[in-house]
Amino acid sequence: MKFSLVAVAVTLAVVLLVASESQRAEAVTCNPTELSPCLSAITSGSPPSDACCGKLREQKPCLCGYLKNPNLKPFVNSPNARKVANTCGVPYPQC
């Protein structure tokens, strides 16, 4: 009986540790300046760079927040921004 309780406790500890690590790995710091590699593509309609697409994928969880910001919404909601997202394979957010 003692062995099975120890095994359950160790298993539970490992599961909790793995779960906390995966949450940390998925955390994204929302910072619109991270999308600066996309600025020329959004403002001029030029094709997005690989760096732009990488940052856009990284910032994907933040896009709804950017759309809610009145200062950022015109850029994020522009036709060129939608084109950049489409070219990069990032679905436009449905907020």
N, C-alpha and C. Protein backbone atom coordinates (compact mmCIF):
# COMPACT_ATOMS: atom_id res chain seq x y z
N MET A 1 0.82 -1.19 0.00
CA MET A 1 0.00 0.00 0.00
C MET A 1 0.87 1.26 0.00
N LYS A 2 1.93 1.23 0.80
CA LYS A 2 2.82 2.38 0.89
C LYS A 2 3.47 2.67 -0.46
N PHE A 3 3.89 1.62 -1.17
CA PHE A 3 4.52 1.78 -2.47
C PHE A 3 3.58 2.44 -3.46
N SER A 4 2.33 2.05 -3.51
CA SER A 4 1.40 2.61 -4.48
C SER A 4 1.10 4.08 -4.18
N LEU A 5 1.06 4.47 -2.92
CA LEU A 5 0.84 5.88 -2.57
C LEU A 5 2.03 6.73 -3.00
N VAL A 6 3.22 6.21 -2.82
CA VAL A 6 4.43 6.92 -3.24
C VAL A 6 4.45 7.05 -4.75
N ALA A 7 4.10 5.97 -5.44
CA ALA A 7 4.09 6.00 -6.90
C ALA A 7 3.07 7.01 -7.41
N VAL A 8 1.91 7.06 -6.80
CA VAL A 8 0.87 8.02 -7.20
C VAL A 8 1.36 9.44 -6.93
N ALA A 9 1.99 9.68 -5.79
CA ALA A 9 2.48 11.01 -5.45
C ALA A 9 3.56 11.47 -6.43
N VAL A 10 4.47 10.55 -6.77
CA VAL A 10 5.55 10.90 -7.72
C VAL A 10 4.96 11.17 -9.10
N THR A 11 4.03 10.34 -9.53
CA THR A 11 3.39 10.54 -10.83
C THR A 11 2.68 11.88 -10.88
N LEU A 12 1.95 12.19 -9.82
CA LEU A 12 1.24 13.47 -9.76
C LEU A 12 2.21 14.65 -9.80
N ALA A 13 3.31 14.53 -9.10
CA ALA A 13 4.31 15.61 -9.10
C ALA A 13 4.89 15.81 -10.50
N VAL A 14 5.18 14.71 -11.20
CA VAL A 14 5.72 14.81 -12.56
C VAL A 14 4.70 15.44 -13.50
N VAL A 15 3.45 15.05 -13.41
CA VAL A 15 2.40 15.62 -14.26
C VAL A 15 2.26 17.11 -14.01
N LEU A 16 2.27 17.52 -12.75
CA LEU A 16 2.16 18.95 -12.43
C LEU A 16 3.36 19.73 -12.94
N LEU A 17 4.53 19.16 -12.85
CA LEU A 17 5.75 19.81 -13.34
C LEU A 17 5.70 19.99 -14.85
N VAL A 18 5.31 18.94 -15.56
CA VAL A 18 5.22 19.01 -17.02
C VAL A 18 4.15 20.03 -17.43
N ALA A 19 3.02 20.05 -16.74
CA ALA A 19 1.95 21.00 -17.07
C ALA A 19 2.42 22.43 -16.85
N SER A 20 3.14 22.69 -15.77
CA SER A 20 3.60 24.07 -15.53
C SER A 20 4.64 24.49 -16.55
N GLU A 21 5.50 23.58 -16.98
CA GLU A 21 6.49 23.90 -18.00
C GLU A 21 5.83 24.20 -19.34
N SER A 22 4.81 23.45 -19.72
CA SER A 22 4.16 23.69 -21.00
C SER A 22 3.42 25.01 -20.99
N GLN A 23 2.86 25.41 -19.85
CA GLN A 23 2.20 26.71 -19.77
C GLN A 23 3.21 27.83 -19.93
N ARG A 24 4.38 27.68 -19.34
CA ARG A 24 5.42 28.69 -19.47
C ARG A 24 5.89 28.81 -20.91
N ALA A 25 6.02 27.71 -21.59
CA ALA A 25 6.49 27.71 -22.97
C ALA A 25 5.47 28.37 -23.91
N GLU A 26 4.18 28.29 -23.57
CA GLU A 26 3.15 28.85 -24.43
C GLU A 26 2.89 30.33 -24.16
N ALA A 27 3.41 30.85 -23.06
CA ALA A 27 3.16 32.24 -22.71
C ALA A 27 3.82 33.17 -23.73
N VAL A 28 3.07 34.15 -24.17
CA VAL A 28 3.56 35.12 -25.14
C VAL A 28 3.45 36.50 -24.51
N THR A 29 4.48 37.29 -24.64
CA THR A 29 4.41 38.67 -24.20
C THR A 29 3.87 39.49 -25.35
N CYS A 30 2.69 40.05 -25.16
CA CYS A 30 2.06 40.85 -26.21
C CYS A 30 2.74 42.21 -26.27
N ASN A 31 3.43 42.44 -27.37
CA ASN A 31 4.14 43.69 -27.57
C ASN A 31 4.05 44.02 -29.05
N PRO A 32 3.23 45.01 -29.41
CA PRO A 32 3.05 45.31 -30.83
C PRO A 32 4.34 45.71 -31.55
N THR A 33 5.33 46.18 -30.83
CA THR A 33 6.59 46.52 -31.50
C THR A 33 7.30 45.28 -32.03
N GLU A 34 6.92 44.09 -31.52
CA GLU A 34 7.49 42.85 -32.05
C GLU A 34 7.11 42.65 -33.51
N LEU A 35 6.03 43.32 -33.95
CA LEU A 35 5.59 43.19 -35.34
C LEU A 35 6.26 44.21 -36.26
N SER A 36 7.27 44.90 -35.78
CA SER A 36 7.95 45.90 -36.62
C SER A 36 8.51 45.33 -37.92
N PRO A 37 8.92 44.06 -37.99
CA PRO A 37 9.36 43.54 -39.29
C PRO A 37 8.23 43.52 -40.33
N CYS A 38 6.99 43.66 -39.89
CA CYS A 38 5.84 43.64 -40.80
C CYS A 38 5.41 45.04 -41.24
N LEU A 39 6.02 46.06 -40.69
CA LEU A 39 5.57 47.43 -40.94
C LEU A 39 5.54 47.78 -42.42
N SER A 40 6.60 47.49 -43.15
CA SER A 40 6.62 47.87 -44.57
C SER A 40 5.59 47.07 -45.36
N ALA A 41 5.40 45.80 -45.00
CA ALA A 41 4.41 44.99 -45.71
C ALA A 41 2.99 45.50 -45.45
N ILE A 42 2.74 45.95 -44.23
CA ILE A 42 1.40 46.44 -43.89
C ILE A 42 1.15 47.82 -44.49
N THR A 43 2.15 48.68 -44.46
CA THR A 43 1.94 50.05 -44.94
C THR A 43 2.05 50.18 -46.46
N SER A 44 2.92 49.36 -47.09
CA SER A 44 3.11 49.53 -48.53
C SER A 44 2.53 48.40 -49.37
N GLY A 45 2.16 47.30 -48.71
CA GLY A 45 1.62 46.18 -49.46
C GLY A 45 2.68 45.28 -50.06
N SER A 46 3.94 45.48 -49.68
CA SER A 46 5.01 44.62 -50.19
C SER A 46 4.89 43.24 -49.54
N PRO A 47 5.48 42.22 -50.14
CA PRO A 47 5.40 40.88 -49.56
C PRO A 47 6.07 40.84 -48.19
N PRO A 48 5.49 40.09 -47.25
CA PRO A 48 6.10 40.01 -45.91
C PRO A 48 7.37 39.18 -45.93
N SER A 49 8.30 39.55 -45.09
CA SER A 49 9.56 38.80 -44.95
C SER A 49 9.32 37.57 -44.07
N ASP A 50 10.30 36.69 -44.06
CA ASP A 50 10.23 35.53 -43.17
C ASP A 50 10.21 35.97 -41.71
N ALA A 51 10.97 37.02 -41.41
CA ALA A 51 10.98 37.55 -40.04
C ALA A 51 9.60 38.07 -39.65
N CYS A 52 8.94 38.73 -40.58
CA CYS A 52 7.59 39.23 -40.33
C CYS A 52 6.65 38.07 -40.03
N CYS A 53 6.66 37.06 -40.86
CA CYS A 53 5.76 35.92 -40.67
C CYS A 53 6.04 35.21 -39.35
N GLY A 54 7.30 35.09 -38.99
CA GLY A 54 7.65 34.47 -37.72
C GLY A 54 7.10 35.25 -36.54
N LYS A 55 7.27 36.56 -36.58
CA LYS A 55 6.76 37.40 -35.50
C LYS A 55 5.23 37.40 -35.47
N LEU A 56 4.62 37.38 -36.64
CA LEU A 56 3.16 37.36 -36.70
C LEU A 56 2.62 36.07 -36.09
N ARG A 57 3.26 34.95 -36.38
CA ARG A 57 2.85 33.68 -35.78
C ARG A 57 3.05 33.71 -34.27
N GLU A 58 4.16 34.30 -33.84
CA GLU A 58 4.46 34.40 -32.42
C GLU A 58 3.43 35.27 -31.69
N GLN A 59 3.01 36.35 -32.32
CA GLN A 59 2.09 37.30 -31.70
C GLN A 59 0.62 36.97 -31.97
N LYS A 60 0.34 35.86 -32.62
CA LYS A 60 -1.03 35.47 -32.97
C LYS A 60 -1.99 35.54 -31.78
N PRO A 61 -1.61 35.06 -30.58
CA PRO A 61 -2.55 35.14 -29.46
C PRO A 61 -2.87 36.57 -29.03
N CYS A 62 -2.10 37.53 -29.50
CA CYS A 62 -2.26 38.92 -29.09
C CYS A 62 -3.13 39.74 -30.05
N LEU A 63 -3.42 39.21 -31.22
CA LEU A 63 -4.05 40.00 -32.28
C LEU A 63 -5.41 40.55 -31.88
N CYS A 64 -6.22 39.80 -31.13
CA CYS A 64 -7.52 40.33 -30.70
C CYS A 64 -7.33 41.53 -29.77
N GLY A 65 -6.34 41.46 -28.91
CA GLY A 65 -6.05 42.60 -28.04
C GLY A 65 -5.62 43.81 -28.84
N TYR A 66 -4.84 43.59 -29.89
CA TYR A 66 -4.42 44.71 -30.73
C TYR A 66 -5.62 45.31 -31.46
N LEU A 67 -6.55 44.45 -31.87
CA LEU A 67 -7.75 44.96 -32.55
C LEU A 67 -8.63 45.79 -31.62
N LYS A 68 -8.57 45.51 -30.34
CA LYS A 68 -9.38 46.26 -29.37
C LYS A 68 -8.73 47.58 -28.99
N ASN A 69 -7.47 47.76 -29.35
CA ASN A 69 -6.76 49.00 -29.04
C ASN A 69 -7.02 49.99 -30.16
N PRO A 70 -7.67 51.14 -29.85
CA PRO A 70 -8.00 52.09 -30.91
C PRO A 70 -6.80 52.64 -31.66
N ASN A 71 -5.63 52.64 -31.06
CA ASN A 71 -4.43 53.13 -31.75
C ASN A 71 -3.86 52.10 -32.72
N LEU A 72 -4.07 50.83 -32.44
CA LEU A 72 -3.51 49.77 -33.28
C LEU A 72 -4.51 49.22 -34.29
N LYS A 73 -5.79 49.35 -33.99
CA LYS A 73 -6.82 48.75 -34.83
C LYS A 73 -6.71 49.14 -36.30
N PRO A 74 -6.46 50.42 -36.64
CA PRO A 74 -6.37 50.75 -38.07
C PRO A 74 -5.29 49.98 -38.82
N PHE A 75 -4.20 49.65 -38.15
CA PHE A 75 -3.12 48.91 -38.80
C PHE A 75 -3.45 47.42 -38.89
N VAL A 76 -3.95 46.86 -37.78
CA VAL A 76 -4.24 45.43 -37.73
C VAL A 76 -5.44 45.07 -38.60
N ASN A 77 -6.35 46.02 -38.76
CA ASN A 77 -7.59 45.77 -39.49
C ASN A 77 -7.50 46.22 -40.95
N SER A 78 -6.35 46.66 -41.40
CA SER A 78 -6.21 47.17 -42.76
C SER A 78 -6.20 46.02 -43.78
N PRO A 79 -6.57 46.31 -45.01
CA PRO A 79 -6.52 45.26 -46.05
C PRO A 79 -5.12 44.66 -46.21
N ASN A 80 -4.10 45.49 -46.12
CA ASN A 80 -2.72 44.97 -46.24
C ASN A 80 -2.36 44.05 -45.09
N ALA A 81 -2.83 44.36 -43.88
CA ALA A 81 -2.55 43.49 -42.74
C ALA A 81 -3.23 42.14 -42.93
N ARG A 82 -4.43 42.16 -43.46
CA ARG A 82 -5.13 40.90 -43.73
C ARG A 82 -4.37 40.09 -44.80
N LYS A 83 -3.84 40.81 -45.79
CA LYS A 83 -3.08 40.14 -46.86
C LYS A 83 -1.79 39.53 -46.29
N VAL A 84 -1.13 40.26 -45.40
CA VAL A 84 0.09 39.77 -44.76
C VAL A 84 -0.22 38.51 -43.95
N ALA A 85 -1.29 38.57 -43.16
CA ALA A 85 -1.68 37.41 -42.35
C ALA A 85 -1.96 36.21 -43.25
N ASN A 86 -2.68 36.44 -44.33
CA ASN A 86 -3.01 35.35 -45.26
C ASN A 86 -1.74 34.78 -45.90
N THR A 87 -0.85 35.64 -46.34
CA THR A 87 0.40 35.20 -46.96
C THR A 87 1.25 34.39 -45.97
N CYS A 88 1.22 34.79 -44.71
CA CYS A 88 2.01 34.10 -43.67
C CYS A 88 1.31 32.85 -43.14
N GLY A 89 0.07 32.62 -43.58
CA GLY A 89 -0.65 31.45 -43.10
C GLY A 89 -1.18 31.60 -41.68
N VAL A 90 -1.40 32.84 -41.27
CA VAL A 90 -1.95 33.12 -39.95
C VAL A 90 -3.40 33.52 -40.14
N PRO A 91 -4.34 32.74 -39.61
CA PRO A 91 -5.75 33.11 -39.79
C PRO A 91 -6.06 34.45 -39.14
N TYR A 92 -6.83 35.26 -39.84
CA TYR A 92 -7.21 36.55 -39.27
C TYR A 92 -8.11 36.29 -38.08
N PRO A 93 -7.89 36.97 -36.98
CA PRO A 93 -8.64 36.66 -35.75
C PRO A 93 -10.13 37.00 -35.87
N GLN A 94 -10.94 36.12 -35.31
CA GLN A 94 -12.37 36.36 -35.18
C GLN A 94 -12.62 36.67 -33.71
N CYS A 95 -12.60 37.94 -33.37
CA CYS A 95 -12.72 38.34 -31.96
C CYS A 95 -14.15 38.64 -31.57
